[in-house]
């Protein structure tokens, strides 16, 4: 059985400060922070930016995904 390597919201805190694969932009990034705003959604940020992005719009993986 193949392991699901896509990062879930429940695992976010475990990966703070660690590299994760951003399939959306096809590069490794270090997760820098996250926040959840009631009625607005879940947001993440990376060490290479000051902006927060909607978690739901990103495909984040624990390992690089070739075929996604």
PDB file of N, CA and C in Angstrom:
ATOM      1  N   UNK A   1       0.835  -1.182   0.000  1.00  0.00           N
ATOM      2  CA  UNK A   1       0.000   0.000   0.000  1.00  0.00           C
ATOM      3  C   UNK A   1       0.880   1.246   0.000  1.00  0.00           C
ATOM      4  N   UNK A   2       0.598   2.200  -0.861  1.00  0.00           N
ATOM      5  CA  UNK A   2       1.396   3.407  -0.990  1.00  0.00           C
ATOM      6  C   UNK A   2       1.013   4.420   0.082  1.00  0.00           C
ATOM      7  N   UNK A   3       2.024   5.018   0.711  1.00  0.00           N
ATOM      8  CA  UNK A   3       1.804   6.014   1.761  1.00  0.00           C
ATOM      9  C   UNK A   3       1.362   7.341   1.141  1.00  0.00           C
ATOM     10  N   UNK A   4       0.404   8.012   1.790  1.00  0.00           N
ATOM     11  CA  UNK A   4      -0.035   9.329   1.334  1.00  0.00           C
ATOM     12  C   UNK A   4       0.972  10.358   1.825  1.00  0.00           C
ATOM     13  N   UNK A   5       1.687  10.980   0.904  1.00  0.00           N
ATOM     14  CA  UNK A   5       2.731  11.929   1.270  1.00  0.00           C
ATOM     15  C   UNK A   5       2.264  13.378   1.222  1.00  0.00           C
ATOM     16  N   UNK A   6       0.991  13.615   0.859  1.00  0.00           N
ATOM     17  CA  UNK A   6       0.483  14.981   0.840  1.00  0.00           C
ATOM     18  C   UNK A   6       0.305  15.463   2.276  1.00  0.00           C
ATOM     19  N   UNK A   7       0.737  16.682   2.535  1.00  0.00           N
ATOM     20  CA  UNK A   7       0.681  17.244   3.875  1.00  0.00           C
ATOM     21  C   UNK A   7      -0.740  17.667   4.210  1.00  0.00           C
ATOM     22  N   UNK A   8      -1.232  17.212   5.350  1.00  0.00           N
ATOM     23  CA  UNK A   8      -2.578  17.591   5.780  1.00  0.00           C
ATOM     24  C   UNK A   8      -2.491  18.762   6.767  1.00  0.00           C
ATOM     25  N   UNK A   9      -3.606  19.447   6.947  1.00  0.00           N
ATOM     26  CA  UNK A   9      -3.645  20.579   7.870  1.00  0.00           C
ATOM     27  C   UNK A   9      -3.303  20.120   9.295  1.00  0.00           C
ATOM     28  N   UNK A  10      -3.710  18.915   9.654  1.00  0.00           N
ATOM     29  CA  UNK A  10      -3.450  18.409  11.003  1.00  0.00           C
ATOM     30  C   UNK A  10      -1.964  18.159  11.258  1.00  0.00           C
ATOM     31  N   UNK A  11      -1.166  18.039  10.191  1.00  0.00           N
ATOM     32  CA  UNK A  11       0.280  17.793  10.324  1.00  0.00           C
ATOM     33  C   UNK A  11       1.114  19.074  10.255  1.00  0.00           C
ATOM     34  N   UNK A  12       0.485  20.189   9.956  1.00  0.00           N
ATOM     35  CA  UNK A  12       1.197  21.448   9.717  1.00  0.00           C
ATOM     36  C   UNK A  12       2.200  21.775  10.819  1.00  0.00           C
ATOM     37  N   UNK A  13       1.777  21.712  12.061  1.00  0.00           N
ATOM     38  CA  UNK A  13       2.645  22.097  13.171  1.00  0.00           C
ATOM     39  C   UNK A  13       3.911  21.238  13.234  1.00  0.00           C
ATOM     40  N   UNK A  14       3.811  19.980  12.826  1.00  0.00           N
ATOM     41  CA  UNK A  14       4.968  19.084  12.840  1.00  0.00           C
ATOM     42  C   UNK A  14       6.034  19.492  11.829  1.00  0.00           C
ATOM     43  N   UNK A  15       5.640  20.252  10.810  1.00  0.00           N
ATOM     44  CA  UNK A  15       6.563  20.608   9.730  1.00  0.00           C
ATOM     45  C   UNK A  15       7.029  22.063   9.767  1.00  0.00           C
ATOM     46  N   UNK A  16       6.711  22.784  10.828  1.00  0.00           N
ATOM     47  CA  UNK A  16       7.222  24.153  10.967  1.00  0.00           C
ATOM     48  C   UNK A  16       8.745  24.129  11.013  1.00  0.00           C
ATOM     49  N   UNK A  17       9.380  24.969  10.210  1.00  0.00           N
ATOM     50  CA  UNK A  17      10.826  25.039  10.175  1.00  0.00           C
ATOM     51  C   UNK A  17      11.491  23.935   9.372  1.00  0.00           C
ATOM     52  N   UNK A  18      10.681  23.104   8.723  1.00  0.00           N
ATOM     53  CA  UNK A  18      11.219  21.989   7.946  1.00  0.00           C
ATOM     54  C   UNK A  18      10.888  22.162   6.469  1.00  0.00           C
ATOM     55  N   UNK A  19      11.715  21.607   5.604  1.00  0.00           N
ATOM     56  CA  UNK A  19      11.419  21.695   4.173  1.00  0.00           C
ATOM     57  C   UNK A  19      10.256  20.785   3.777  1.00  0.00           C
ATOM     58  N   UNK A  20       9.372  21.323   2.967  1.00  0.00           N
ATOM     59  CA  UNK A  20       8.282  20.555   2.369  1.00  0.00           C
ATOM     60  C   UNK A  20       8.277  20.873   0.881  1.00  0.00           C
ATOM     61  N   UNK A  21       7.751  19.958   0.104  1.00  0.00           N
ATOM     62  CA  UNK A  21       7.752  20.152  -1.346  1.00  0.00           C
ATOM     63  C   UNK A  21       6.461  20.839  -1.765  1.00  0.00           C
ATOM     64  N   UNK A  22       6.614  22.017  -2.374  1.00  0.00           N
ATOM     65  CA  UNK A  22       5.495  22.811  -2.888  1.00  0.00           C
ATOM     66  C   UNK A  22       5.271  22.399  -4.345  1.00  0.00           C
ATOM     67  N   UNK A  23       4.338  21.484  -4.546  1.00  0.00           N
ATOM     68  CA  UNK A  23       4.067  20.992  -5.903  1.00  0.00           C
ATOM     69  C   UNK A  23       3.483  22.091  -6.780  1.00  0.00           C
ATOM     70  N   UNK A  24       2.778  23.028  -6.176  1.00  0.00           N
ATOM     71  CA  UNK A  24       2.178  24.135  -6.922  1.00  0.00           C
ATOM     72  C   UNK A  24       3.256  24.940  -7.652  1.00  0.00           C
ATOM     73  N   UNK A  25       4.389  25.176  -6.981  1.00  0.00           N
ATOM     74  CA  UNK A  25       5.493  25.936  -7.579  1.00  0.00           C
ATOM     75  C   UNK A  25       6.695  25.063  -7.923  1.00  0.00           C
ATOM     76  N   UNK A  26       6.562  23.761  -7.678  1.00  0.00           N
ATOM     77  CA  UNK A  26       7.587  22.764  -8.013  1.00  0.00           C
ATOM     78  C   UNK A  26       8.960  23.102  -7.440  1.00  0.00           C
ATOM     79  N   UNK A  27       8.953  23.341  -6.109  1.00  0.00           N
ATOM     80  CA  UNK A  27      10.225  23.594  -5.432  1.00  0.00           C
ATOM     81  C   UNK A  27      10.073  23.298  -3.941  1.00  0.00           C
ATOM     82  N   UNK A  28      11.220  23.079  -3.309  1.00  0.00           N
ATOM     83  CA  UNK A  28      11.255  22.875  -1.866  1.00  0.00           C
ATOM     84  C   UNK A  28      11.178  24.228  -1.181  1.00  0.00           C
ATOM     85  N   UNK A  29      10.386  24.298  -0.099  1.00  0.00           N
ATOM     86  CA  UNK A  29      10.248  25.530   0.683  1.00  0.00           C
ATOM     87  C   UNK A  29      10.189  25.149   2.157  1.00  0.00           C
ATOM     88  N   UNK A  30      10.606  26.081   3.010  1.00  0.00           N
ATOM     89  CA  UNK A  30      10.563  25.836   4.451  1.00  0.00           C
ATOM     90  C   UNK A  30       9.315  26.506   5.010  1.00  0.00           C
ATOM     91  N   UNK A  31       8.491  25.709   5.659  1.00  0.00           N
ATOM     92  CA  UNK A  31       7.257  26.208   6.250  1.00  0.00           C
ATOM     93  C   UNK A  31       7.601  27.093   7.442  1.00  0.00           C
ATOM     94  N   UNK A  32       7.096  28.323   7.445  1.00  0.00           N
ATOM     95  CA  UNK A  32       7.458  29.296   8.470  1.00  0.00           C
ATOM     96  C   UNK A  32       6.326  29.591   9.451  1.00  0.00           C
ATOM     97  N   UNK A  33       5.093  29.407   9.032  1.00  0.00           N
ATOM     98  CA  UNK A  33       3.990  29.710   9.935  1.00  0.00           C
ATOM     99  C   UNK A  33       2.657  29.297   9.351  1.00  0.00           C
ATOM    100  N   UNK A  34       1.644  29.355  10.201  1.00  0.00           N
ATOM    101  CA  UNK A  34       0.281  29.026   9.764  1.00  0.00           C
ATOM    102  C   UNK A  34      -0.708  29.739  10.676  1.00  0.00           C
ATOM    103  N   UNK A  35      -1.899  29.923  10.186  1.00  0.00           N
ATOM    104  CA  UNK A  35      -2.970  30.484  11.010  1.00  0.00           C
ATOM    105  C   UNK A  35      -4.302  30.054  10.427  1.00  0.00           C
ATOM    106  N   UNK A  36      -5.282  29.990  11.305  1.00  0.00           N
ATOM    107  CA  UNK A  36      -6.633  29.643  10.884  1.00  0.00           C
ATOM    108  C   UNK A  36      -7.550  30.767  11.346  1.00  0.00           C
ATOM    109  N   UNK A  37      -8.261  31.345  10.410  1.00  0.00           N
ATOM    110  CA  UNK A  37      -9.171  32.440  10.720  1.00  0.00           C
ATOM    111  C   UNK A  37     -10.601  31.971  10.506  1.00  0.00           C
ATOM    112  N   UNK A  38     -11.391  32.067  11.542  1.00  0.00           N
ATOM    113  CA  UNK A  38     -12.782  31.644  11.461  1.00  0.00           C
ATOM    114  C   UNK A  38     -13.487  32.407  10.339  1.00  0.00           C
ATOM    115  N   UNK A  39     -14.226  31.699   9.536  1.00  0.00           N
ATOM    116  CA  UNK A  39     -14.975  32.242   8.393  1.00  0.00           C
ATOM    117  C   UNK A  39     -14.092  32.662   7.212  1.00  0.00           C
ATOM    118  N   UNK A  40     -12.782  32.562   7.342  1.00  0.00           N
ATOM    119  CA  UNK A  40     -11.905  32.969   6.236  1.00  0.00           C
ATOM    120  C   UNK A  40     -11.045  31.835   5.711  1.00  0.00           C
ATOM    121  N   UNK A  41     -10.664  30.890   6.551  1.00  0.00           N
ATOM    122  CA  UNK A  41      -9.899  29.752   6.075  1.00  0.00           C
ATOM    123  C   UNK A  41      -8.580  29.550   6.771  1.00  0.00           C
ATOM    124  N   UNK A  42      -7.783  28.680   6.172  1.00  0.00           N
ATOM    125  CA  UNK A  42      -6.485  28.286   6.715  1.00  0.00           C
ATOM    126  C   UNK A  42      -5.392  28.886   5.844  1.00  0.00           C
ATOM    127  N   UNK A  43      -4.339  29.405   6.483  1.00  0.00           N
ATOM    128  CA  UNK A  43      -3.267  30.090   5.768  1.00  0.00           C
ATOM    129  C   UNK A  43      -1.906  29.585   6.208  1.00  0.00           C
ATOM    130  N   UNK A  44      -0.955  29.626   5.274  1.00  0.00           N
ATOM    131  CA  UNK A  44       0.425  29.211   5.537  1.00  0.00           C
ATOM    132  C   UNK A  44       1.373  30.271   4.996  1.00  0.00           C
ATOM    133  N   UNK A  45       2.578  30.274   5.529  1.00  0.00           N
ATOM    134  CA  UNK A  45       3.623  31.148   5.008  1.00  0.00           C
ATOM    135  C   UNK A  45       4.940  30.376   4.996  1.00  0.00           C
ATOM    136  N   UNK A  46       5.865  30.851   4.191  1.00  0.00           N
ATOM    137  CA  UNK A  46       7.160  30.200   4.014  1.00  0.00           C
ATOM    138  C   UNK A  46       8.277  31.174   4.354  1.00  0.00           C
ATOM    139  N   UNK A  47       9.484  30.654   4.563  1.00  0.00           N
ATOM    140  CA  UNK A  47      10.620  31.511   4.919  1.00  0.00           C
ATOM    141  C   UNK A  47      11.040  32.438   3.777  1.00  0.00           C
ATOM    142  N   UNK A  48      10.642  32.136   2.558  1.00  0.00           N
ATOM    143  CA  UNK A  48      11.050  32.969   1.418  1.00  0.00           C
ATOM    144  C   UNK A  48      10.034  34.072   1.079  1.00  0.00           C
ATOM    145  N   UNK A  49       9.057  34.316   1.965  1.00  0.00           N
ATOM    146  CA  UNK A  49       8.047  35.341   1.716  1.00  0.00           C
ATOM    147  C   UNK A  49       7.464  35.844   3.034  1.00  0.00           C
ATOM    148  N   UNK A  50       6.911  37.043   3.006  1.00  0.00           N
ATOM    149  CA  UNK A  50       6.218  37.596   4.175  1.00  0.00           C
ATOM    150  C   UNK A  50       4.717  37.419   4.069  1.00  0.00           C
ATOM    151  N   UNK A  51       4.243  36.916   2.932  1.00  0.00           N
ATOM    152  CA  UNK A  51       2.812  36.774   2.671  1.00  0.00           C
ATOM    153  C   UNK A  51       2.269  35.452   3.213  1.00  0.00           C
ATOM    154  N   UNK A  52       0.989  35.477   3.548  1.00  0.00           N
ATOM    155  CA  UNK A  52       0.263  34.243   3.895  1.00  0.00           C
ATOM    156  C   UNK A  52      -0.558  33.811   2.687  1.00  0.00           C
ATOM    157  N   UNK A  53      -0.641  32.498   2.467  1.00  0.00           N
ATOM    158  CA  UNK A  53      -1.364  31.937   1.323  1.00  0.00           C
ATOM    159  C   UNK A  53      -2.398  30.937   1.817  1.00  0.00           C
ATOM    160  N   UNK A  54      -3.491  30.820   1.081  1.00  0.00           N
ATOM    161  CA  UNK A  54      -4.546  29.866   1.449  1.00  0.00           C
ATOM    162  C   UNK A  54      -4.018  28.441   1.324  1.00  0.00           C
ATOM    163  N   UNK A  55      -4.092  27.707   2.390  1.00  0.00           N
ATOM    164  CA  UNK A  55      -3.603  26.327   2.434  1.00  0.00           C
ATOM    165  C   UNK A  55      -4.286  25.469   1.373  1.00  0.00           C
ATOM    166  N   UNK A  56      -5.575  25.681   1.179  1.00  0.00           N
ATOM    167  CA  UNK A  56      -6.360  24.871   0.249  1.00  0.00           C
ATOM    168  C   UNK A  56      -5.917  25.030  -1.210  1.00  0.00           C
ATOM    169  N   UNK A  57      -5.215  26.104  -1.522  1.00  0.00           N
ATOM    170  CA  UNK A  57      -4.782  26.361  -2.900  1.00  0.00           C
ATOM    171  C   UNK A  57      -3.417  25.757  -3.210  1.00  0.00           C
ATOM    172  N   UNK A  58      -2.792  25.130  -2.228  1.00  0.00           N
ATOM    173  CA  UNK A  58      -1.454  24.568  -2.409  1.00  0.00           C
ATOM    174  C   UNK A  58      -1.476  23.057  -2.276  1.00  0.00           C
ATOM    175  N   UNK A  59      -0.594  22.412  -3.036  1.00  0.00           N
ATOM    176  CA  UNK A  59      -0.362  20.975  -2.894  1.00  0.00           C
ATOM    177  C   UNK A  59       1.017  20.855  -2.263  1.00  0.00           C
ATOM    178  N   UNK A  60       1.039  20.451  -1.005  1.00  0.00           N
ATOM    179  CA  UNK A  60       2.283  20.356  -0.259  1.00  0.00           C
ATOM    180  C   UNK A  60       2.549  18.904   0.100  1.00  0.00           C
ATOM    181  N   UNK A  61       3.793  18.490  -0.065  1.00  0.00           N
ATOM    182  CA  UNK A  61       4.159  17.096   0.150  1.00  0.00           C
ATOM    183  C   UNK A  61       5.364  16.974   1.070  1.00  0.00           C
ATOM    184  N   UNK A  62       5.457  15.824   1.718  1.00  0.00           N
ATOM    185  CA  UNK A  62       6.591  15.509   2.588  1.00  0.00           C
ATOM    186  C   UNK A  62       7.799  15.101   1.771  1.00  0.00           C
ATOM    187  N   UNK A  63       7.580  14.675   0.542  1.00  0.00           N
ATOM    188  CA  UNK A  63       8.652  14.304  -0.395  1.00  0.00           C
ATOM    189  C   UNK A  63       8.310  14.865  -1.760  1.00  0.00           C
ATOM    190  N   UNK A  64       9.306  15.022  -2.598  1.00  0.00           N
ATOM    191  CA  UNK A  64       9.088  15.552  -3.942  1.00  0.00           C
ATOM    192  C   UNK A  64       8.165  14.625  -4.736  1.00  0.00           C
ATOM    193  N   UNK A  65       7.206  15.219  -5.416  1.00  0.00           N
ATOM    194  CA  UNK A  65       6.259  14.460  -6.218  1.00  0.00           C
ATOM    195  C   UNK A  65       6.585  14.685  -7.692  1.00  0.00           C
ATOM    196  N   UNK A  66       6.949  13.629  -8.368  1.00  0.00           N
ATOM    197  CA  UNK A  66       7.302  13.724  -9.785  1.00  0.00           C
ATOM    198  C   UNK A  66       6.054  13.780 -10.660  1.00  0.00           C
ATOM    199  N   UNK A  67       5.126  12.898 -10.422  1.00  0.00           N
ATOM    200  CA  UNK A  67       3.927  12.821 -11.261  1.00  0.00           C
ATOM    201  C   UNK A  67       2.714  13.505 -10.651  1.00  0.00           C
ATOM    202  N   UNK A  68       2.801  13.885  -9.366  1.00  0.00           N
ATOM    203  CA  UNK A  68       1.732  14.576  -8.641  1.00  0.00           C
ATOM    204  C   UNK A  68       0.403  13.993  -8.884  1.00  0.00           C
TER     205      UNK A  68
END
